[in-house]
Amino acid sequence: MSRMYQMNVEIECTEEQAEKIIPVLKEYWPFEDPYPSNYLSGLLYMTGDGSLYGGDTEEEFTDSLARAVWKEVGYVPVEVNARCMEYLPSDTHHRSKDEYEKWVATRTLQEAEEINGEDLEAAGEFYDSLQKGEE
């Protein structure tokens, strides 16, 4: 089973180390090319979307990636932010006719006339009921 992830990697390194690390990272995961300004300042930042296969965990991915980097340049701090793209939180929002009628009731007459298909009589009745506190 595979899971889609966005992996964001930050590595503190020199420019010379970054030149060696980038190909290692790109071989390991489908990372996008970094902006040179990122690693010229001493921090290599790369991001990419891909799949973890074979039941690998985020921790195992981080361990393997860090070891591949360390094998190439020696110790540098490696940070991985793994974002699972399959289970992102989401909200569904619905607006009912009641919300529509409340919105219509707050419009000015001119604005209401500009709204295609506006039921001005129903809007007026609803507005009157709001004024009386009958909602």
C-alpha atoms as a PDB file:
ATOM      1  CA  MET A   1       0.000   0.000   0.000  1.00  0.00           C
ATOM      2  CA  SER A   2       1.277   3.469  -0.822  1.00  0.00           C
ATOM      3  CA  ARG A   3       0.395   6.816   0.663  1.00  0.00           C
ATOM      4  CA  MET A   4       0.824  10.207  -1.036  1.00  0.00           C
ATOM      5  CA  TYR A   5       3.021  12.672   0.847  1.00  0.00           C
ATOM      6  CA  GLN A   6       4.475  16.100   0.469  1.00  0.00           C
ATOM      7  CA  MET A   7       7.966  15.975   1.938  1.00  0.00           C
ATOM      8  CA  ASN A   8       9.654  19.215   2.979  1.00  0.00           C
ATOM      9  CA  VAL A   9      13.324  18.892   3.840  1.00  0.00           C
ATOM     10  CA  GLU A  10      15.537  21.457   5.554  1.00  0.00           C
ATOM     11  CA  ILE A  11      19.263  20.827   5.827  1.00  0.00           C
ATOM     12  CA  GLU A  12      21.806  23.178   7.359  1.00  0.00           C
ATOM     13  CA  CYS A  13      24.836  23.006   5.081  1.00  0.00           C
ATOM     14  CA  THR A  14      27.424  24.936   3.120  1.00  0.00           C
ATOM     15  CA  GLU A  15      27.051  25.711  -0.567  1.00  0.00           C
ATOM     16  CA  GLU A  16      29.595  22.997  -1.404  1.00  0.00           C
ATOM     17  CA  GLN A  17      27.672  20.433   0.667  1.00  0.00           C
ATOM     18  CA  ALA A  18      24.378  21.501  -0.933  1.00  0.00           C
ATOM     19  CA  GLU A  19      25.796  20.839  -4.407  1.00  0.00           C
ATOM     20  CA  LYS A  20      26.513  17.238  -3.309  1.00  0.00           C
ATOM     21  CA  ILE A  21      23.265  16.775  -1.344  1.00  0.00           C
ATOM     22  CA  ILE A  22      20.817  17.933  -4.026  1.00  0.00           C
ATOM     23  CA  PRO A  23      21.425  14.989  -6.411  1.00  0.00           C
ATOM     24  CA  VAL A  24      21.172  12.552  -3.489  1.00  0.00           C
ATOM     25  CA  LEU A  25      17.811  13.991  -2.448  1.00  0.00           C
ATOM     26  CA  LYS A  26      16.488  14.009  -6.016  1.00  0.00           C
ATOM     27  CA  GLU A  27      17.471  10.374  -6.456  1.00  0.00           C
ATOM     28  CA  TYR A  28      15.722   9.483  -3.226  1.00  0.00           C
ATOM     29  CA  TRP A  29      12.424  11.394  -3.688  1.00  0.00           C
ATOM     30  CA  PRO A  30      10.838  13.510  -6.475  1.00  0.00           C
ATOM     31  CA  PHE A  31      12.029  16.798  -5.001  1.00  0.00           C
ATOM     32  CA  GLU A  32      11.750  20.017  -6.996  1.00  0.00           C
ATOM     33  CA  ASP A  33      14.884  22.019  -7.717  1.00  0.00           C
ATOM     34  CA  PRO A  34      15.717  24.394  -4.860  1.00  0.00           C
ATOM     35  CA  TYR A  35      16.155  28.108  -5.385  1.00  0.00           C
ATOM     36  CA  PRO A  36      19.887  28.866  -5.151  1.00  0.00           C
ATOM     37  CA  SER A  37      19.215  31.606  -2.604  1.00  0.00           C
ATOM     38  CA  ASN A  38      17.936  28.919  -0.258  1.00  0.00           C
ATOM     39  CA  TYR A  39      21.199  27.055   0.082  1.00  0.00           C
ATOM     40  CA  LEU A  40      23.520  30.035  -0.421  1.00  0.00           C
ATOM     41  CA  SER A  41      22.298  31.265   2.959  1.00  0.00           C
ATOM     42  CA  GLY A  42      23.322  28.041   4.675  1.00  0.00           C
ATOM     43  CA  LEU A  43      19.923  26.353   4.613  1.00  0.00           C
ATOM     44  CA  LEU A  44      18.935  23.929   1.871  1.00  0.00           C
ATOM     45  CA  TYR A  45      15.157  23.656   1.556  1.00  0.00           C
ATOM     46  CA  MET A  46      13.512  21.245  -0.873  1.00  0.00           C
ATOM     47  CA  THR A  47       9.948  20.064  -1.321  1.00  0.00           C
ATOM     48  CA  GLY A  48       8.328  17.342  -3.378  1.00  0.00           C
ATOM     49  CA  ASP A  49       5.280  15.126  -3.670  1.00  0.00           C
ATOM     50  CA  GLY A  50       5.478  11.340  -3.901  1.00  0.00           C
ATOM     51  CA  SER A  51       4.420   8.041  -2.368  1.00  0.00           C
ATOM     52  CA  LEU A  52       5.775   5.997   0.508  1.00  0.00           C
ATOM     53  CA  TYR A  53       5.704   2.339  -0.488  1.00  0.00           C
ATOM     54  CA  GLY A  54       5.952  -0.982   1.293  1.00  0.00           C
ATOM     55  CA  GLY A  55       4.649   0.187   4.627  1.00  0.00           C
ATOM     56  CA  ASP A  56       7.480   2.651   5.209  1.00  0.00           C
ATOM     57  CA  THR A  57       6.726   5.152   7.950  1.00  0.00           C
ATOM     58  CA  GLU A  58       7.643   8.826   8.013  1.00  0.00           C
ATOM     59  CA  GLU A  59      10.299   8.020  10.638  1.00  0.00           C
ATOM     60  CA  GLU A  60      11.834   5.312   8.445  1.00  0.00           C
ATOM     61  CA  PHE A  61      11.840   7.693   5.477  1.00  0.00           C
ATOM     62  CA  THR A  62      13.590  10.358   7.563  1.00  0.00           C
ATOM     63  CA  ASP A  63      16.180   7.852   8.836  1.00  0.00           C
ATOM     64  CA  SER A  64      16.958   6.582   5.324  1.00  0.00           C
ATOM     65  CA  LEU A  65      17.134  10.062   3.838  1.00  0.00           C
ATOM     66  CA  ALA A  66      19.396  11.402   6.608  1.00  0.00           C
ATOM     67  CA  ARG A  67      21.737   8.420   6.269  1.00  0.00           C
ATOM     68  CA  ALA A  68      21.969   8.934   2.487  1.00  0.00           C
ATOM     69  CA  VAL A  69      22.855  12.608   3.047  1.00  0.00           C
ATOM     70  CA  TRP A  70      25.357  11.797   5.793  1.00  0.00           C
ATOM     71  CA  LYS A  71      27.003   9.146   3.612  1.00  0.00           C
ATOM     72  CA  GLU A  72      27.616  11.857   1.024  1.00  0.00           C
ATOM     73  CA  VAL A  73      28.790  14.820   3.162  1.00  0.00           C
ATOM     74  CA  GLY A  74      29.106  13.715   6.788  1.00  0.00           C
ATOM     75  CA  TYR A  75      26.928  15.063   9.575  1.00  0.00           C
ATOM     76  CA  VAL A  76      24.567  17.945   8.843  1.00  0.00           C
ATOM     77  CA  PRO A  77      21.258  18.576  10.650  1.00  0.00           C
ATOM     78  CA  VAL A  78      18.382  17.093   8.621  1.00  0.00           C
ATOM     79  CA  GLU A  79      14.737  17.963   9.253  1.00  0.00           C
ATOM     80  CA  VAL A  80      11.824  16.374   7.374  1.00  0.00           C
ATOM     81  CA  ASN A  81       8.254  17.615   7.542  1.00  0.00           C
ATOM     82  CA  ALA A  82       6.049  14.823   6.141  1.00  0.00           C
ATOM     83  CA  ARG A  83       2.510  15.844   5.192  1.00  0.00           C
ATOM     84  CA  CYS A  84       0.143  13.015   4.267  1.00  0.00           C
ATOM     85  CA  MET A  85      -1.923  14.292   1.329  1.00  0.00           C
ATOM     86  CA  GLU A  86      -4.590  11.592   1.528  1.00  0.00           C
ATOM     87  CA  TYR A  87      -6.154  12.469   4.845  1.00  0.00           C
ATOM     88  CA  LEU A  88      -6.157  16.240   4.882  1.00  0.00           C
ATOM     89  CA  PRO A  89      -8.812  17.782   7.095  1.00  0.00           C
ATOM     90  CA  SER A  90     -11.692  19.321   5.225  1.00  0.00           C
ATOM     91  CA  ASP A  91     -14.979  21.053   5.957  1.00  0.00           C
ATOM     92  CA  THR A  92     -18.117  21.149   3.872  1.00  0.00           C
ATOM     93  CA  HIS A  93     -20.238  24.262   4.138  1.00  0.00           C
ATOM     94  CA  HIS A  94     -23.819  24.535   2.919  1.00  0.00           C
ATOM     95  CA  ARG A  95     -26.021  27.578   2.680  1.00  0.00           C
ATOM     96  CA  SER A  96     -29.785  27.002   2.914  1.00  0.00           C
ATOM     97  CA  LYS A  97     -32.653  29.031   1.588  1.00  0.00           C
ATOM     98  CA  ASP A  98     -32.949  30.632   5.035  1.00  0.00           C
ATOM     99  CA  GLU A  99     -29.409  32.043   4.723  1.00  0.00           C
ATOM    100  CA  TYR A 100     -30.236  33.233   1.231  1.00  0.00           C
ATOM    101  CA  GLU A 101     -33.380  34.971   2.421  1.00  0.00           C
ATOM    102  CA  LYS A 102     -31.494  36.629   5.295  1.00  0.00           C
ATOM    103  CA  TRP A 103     -28.914  37.877   2.817  1.00  0.00           C
ATOM    104  CA  VAL A 104     -31.603  39.148   0.451  1.00  0.00           C
ATOM    105  CA  ALA A 105     -33.378  40.923   3.303  1.00  0.00           C
ATOM    106  CA  THR A 106     -30.261  42.920   4.100  1.00  0.00           C
ATOM    107  CA  ARG A 107     -29.787  44.131   0.526  1.00  0.00           C
ATOM    108  CA  THR A 108     -30.995  47.546  -0.530  1.00  0.00           C
ATOM    109  CA  LEU A 109     -33.880  47.662  -2.994  1.00  0.00           C
ATOM    110  CA  GLN A 110     -31.557  48.717  -5.814  1.00  0.00           C
ATOM    111  CA  GLU A 111     -29.084  45.909  -5.075  1.00  0.00           C
ATOM    112  CA  ALA A 112     -31.951  43.417  -4.847  1.00  0.00           C
ATOM    113  CA  GLU A 113     -33.267  44.479  -8.258  1.00  0.00           C
ATOM    114  CA  GLU A 114     -29.840  43.784  -9.743  1.00  0.00           C
ATOM    115  CA  ILE A 115     -29.874  40.201  -8.472  1.00  0.00           C
ATOM    116  CA  ASN A 116     -31.214  37.985 -11.222  1.00  0.00           C
ATOM    117  CA  GLY A 117     -34.482  36.260 -10.343  1.00  0.00           C
ATOM    118  CA  GLU A 118     -34.861  38.075  -7.039  1.00  0.00           C
ATOM    119  CA  ASP A 119     -38.132  37.458  -5.192  1.00  0.00           C
ATOM    120  CA  LEU A 120     -38.578  40.930  -3.743  1.00  0.00           C
ATOM    121  CA  GLU A 121     -41.948  40.200  -2.176  1.00  0.00           C
ATOM    122  CA  ALA A 122     -40.603  37.180  -0.232  1.00  0.00           C
ATOM    123  CA  ALA A 123     -37.539  39.185   0.758  1.00  0.00           C
ATOM    124  CA  GLY A 124     -39.709  41.988   2.049  1.00  0.00           C
ATOM    125  CA  GLU A 125     -41.844  39.586   4.091  1.00  0.00           C
ATOM    126  CA  PHE A 126     -38.752  37.955   5.550  1.00  0.00           C
ATOM    127  CA  TYR A 127     -37.223  41.333   6.376  1.00  0.00           C
ATOM    128  CA  ASP A 128     -40.442  42.355   8.127  1.00  0.00           C
ATOM    129  CA  SER A 129     -40.378  39.119  10.170  1.00  0.00           C
ATOM    130  CA  LEU A 130     -36.777  39.864  11.218  1.00  0.00           C
ATOM    131  CA  GLN A 131     -37.797  43.316  12.369  1.00  0.00           C
ATOM    132  CA  LYS A 132     -40.553  41.764  14.514  1.00  0.00           C
ATOM    133  CA  GLY A 133     -38.158  39.107  15.887  1.00  0.00           C
ATOM    134  CA  GLU A 134     -40.080  36.202  14.340  1.00  0.00           C
ATOM    135  CA  GLU A 135     -37.115  34.539  12.604  1.00  0.00           C
END
